[in-house]
Amino acid sequence: MAELDKVRWHCRRGLLELDIILERFNRQHLAVLAPGQLEQFKELLALDDNHLLDLILGREVLEEERLHSMLQLLQAA
């Protein structure tokens, strides 16, 4: 399985709201992410569903500053 296919598979989550956001992000950005950005995205995907959704919706603050630009892309999706 290609790396992007694996990432798409990991985007399938348990929260409908998060699934919708990640699907939109995949359509708009996934294919054109630089390798470093892809690694950042995978780090965010490693978070649990509720925490990731809270970060995207701005209900929590992301402490890892190096992931802020990727979070902003997710928020814009």
Protein backbone atom coordinates (compact mmCIF):
# COMPACT_ATOMS: atom_id res chain seq x y z
CA MET A 1 0.00 0.00 0.00
CA ALA A 2 1.40 3.40 -0.95
CA GLU A 3 2.19 5.88 1.81
CA LEU A 4 -0.62 8.27 0.90
CA ASP A 5 -3.09 5.38 0.91
CA LYS A 6 -1.95 4.49 4.43
CA VAL A 7 -2.41 8.08 5.54
CA ARG A 8 -5.89 8.18 3.99
CA TRP A 9 -6.74 4.99 5.89
CA HIS A 10 -5.57 6.58 9.17
CA CYS A 11 -7.88 9.51 8.46
CA ARG A 12 -10.88 7.24 8.98
CA ARG A 13 -11.87 8.12 12.53
CA GLY A 14 -14.63 7.47 15.02
CA LEU A 15 -16.11 10.97 14.94
CA LEU A 16 -18.20 12.01 11.96
CA GLU A 17 -17.18 15.66 12.31
CA LEU A 18 -13.51 14.72 12.23
CA ASP A 19 -14.04 12.38 9.28
CA ILE A 20 -15.61 15.22 7.31
CA ILE A 21 -12.78 17.64 8.07
CA LEU A 22 -10.08 15.09 7.26
CA GLU A 23 -11.77 14.01 4.03
CA ARG A 24 -11.98 17.64 2.88
CA PHE A 25 -8.31 18.13 3.85
CA ASN A 26 -7.33 15.01 1.90
CA ARG A 27 -9.08 16.24 -1.25
CA GLN A 28 -7.53 19.72 -1.03
CA HIS A 29 -4.03 19.17 0.33
CA LEU A 30 -2.80 15.61 0.85
CA ALA A 31 -1.38 14.98 -2.63
CA VAL A 32 0.67 18.20 -2.62
CA LEU A 33 2.14 18.07 0.90
CA ALA A 34 5.92 18.25 1.13
CA PRO A 35 7.54 15.26 2.87
CA GLY A 36 8.05 17.26 6.09
CA GLN A 37 4.44 18.39 6.06
CA LEU A 38 3.28 14.82 5.56
CA GLU A 39 5.23 13.76 8.64
CA GLN A 40 3.63 16.58 10.64
CA PHE A 41 0.20 15.52 9.44
CA LYS A 42 0.89 11.94 10.50
CA GLU A 43 1.92 13.20 13.94
CA LEU A 44 -1.41 14.98 14.29
CA LEU A 45 -3.23 11.85 13.14
CA ALA A 46 -1.57 9.94 15.99
CA LEU A 47 -3.58 12.02 18.47
CA ASP A 48 -6.84 10.63 19.79
CA ASP A 49 -10.01 11.69 17.99
CA ASN A 50 -11.40 14.07 20.60
CA HIS A 51 -8.08 15.84 21.16
CA LEU A 52 -7.50 16.28 17.42
CA LEU A 53 -11.00 17.61 16.86
CA ASP A 54 -10.64 20.04 19.78
CA LEU A 55 -7.37 21.32 18.32
CA ILE A 56 -8.89 21.80 14.87
CA LEU A 57 -11.91 23.59 16.30
CA GLY A 58 -9.72 25.80 18.48
CA ARG A 59 -11.08 24.48 21.77
CA GLU A 60 -7.56 23.42 22.80
CA VAL A 61 -4.14 24.92 22.14
CA LEU A 62 -1.46 22.91 20.38
CA GLU A 63 1.72 23.02 22.43
CA GLU A 64 4.04 21.77 19.66
CA GLU A 65 4.77 24.98 17.80
CA ARG A 66 6.34 23.15 14.85
CA LEU A 67 2.91 21.62 14.06
CA HIS A 68 1.03 24.94 14.01
CA SER A 69 1.23 25.44 10.25
CA MET A 70 -0.21 21.96 9.63
CA LEU A 71 -2.96 22.60 12.15
CA GLN A 72 -3.79 25.84 10.35
CA LEU A 73 -4.15 23.92 7.07
CA LEU A 74 -6.52 21.50 8.80
CA GLN A 75 -8.50 24.36 10.27
CA ALA A 76 -8.88 25.95 6.85
CA ALA A 77 -10.17 22.72 5.29
